[in-house]
Amino acid sequence: MAKSMGFVKKGTIEKKTSTSGSHTMVKTSSMNKNKRANYKRYRGQGR
């Protein structure tokens, strides 16, 4: 039987603000209603 390693803490991913470069996980809960309604994840051609 394999030995248990015990508790291993995972590295947490911080939520990003709307102004940051990467738009993969943007925190919309802190935005106001108007900004949330107009927010687009992808700013480019198509989609």
Protein backbone atom coordinates (compact mmCIF):
# COMPACT_ATOMS: atom_id res chain seq x y z
CA MET A 1 0.00 0.00 0.00
CA ALA A 2 1.25 3.49 -0.88
CA LYS A 3 2.08 5.90 1.89
CA SER A 4 -0.08 8.99 2.20
CA MET A 5 1.82 12.25 1.70
CA GLY A 6 -0.50 14.14 4.00
CA PHE A 7 -1.70 17.66 3.30
CA VAL A 8 -0.23 19.33 0.21
CA LYS A 9 -1.21 22.95 -0.37
CA LYS A 10 -2.07 23.87 -3.95
CA GLY A 11 -0.84 27.15 -5.37
CA THR A 12 -3.82 29.49 -5.54
CA ILE A 13 -4.59 31.51 -8.66
CA GLU A 14 -5.31 35.12 -7.82
CA LYS A 15 -8.25 36.85 -9.43
CA LYS A 16 -7.22 39.55 -11.85
CA THR A 17 -8.58 43.05 -12.23
CA SER A 18 -10.21 44.20 -15.46
CA THR A 19 -7.17 46.31 -16.36
CA SER A 20 -4.65 43.46 -16.35
CA GLY A 21 -3.24 42.08 -19.60
CA SER A 22 -4.51 38.49 -19.41
CA HIS A 23 -8.29 38.14 -19.69
CA THR A 24 -8.54 34.47 -18.77
CA MET A 25 -9.84 34.91 -15.25
CA VAL A 26 -11.08 38.45 -14.71
CA LYS A 27 -12.87 39.32 -11.50
CA THR A 28 -16.30 40.66 -12.47
CA SER A 29 -17.78 40.66 -8.97
CA SER A 30 -16.02 43.91 -8.07
CA MET A 31 -17.06 45.69 -11.28
CA ASN A 32 -20.06 47.97 -11.36
CA LYS A 33 -23.17 46.86 -13.28
CA ASN A 34 -22.48 48.99 -16.34
CA LYS A 35 -18.87 47.87 -16.68
CA ARG A 36 -19.85 44.21 -16.19
CA ALA A 37 -22.54 44.48 -18.90
CA ASN A 38 -20.13 46.03 -21.39
CA TYR A 39 -17.14 43.79 -20.58
CA LYS A 40 -15.95 41.57 -23.45
CA ARG A 41 -13.47 38.77 -22.72
CA TYR A 42 -12.07 38.77 -26.25
CA ARG A 43 -10.98 42.03 -27.85
CA GLY A 44 -10.00 41.17 -31.36
CA GLN A 45 -11.30 40.13 -34.73
CA GLY A 46 -14.16 37.66 -34.90
CA ARG A 47 -15.67 35.51 -32.16
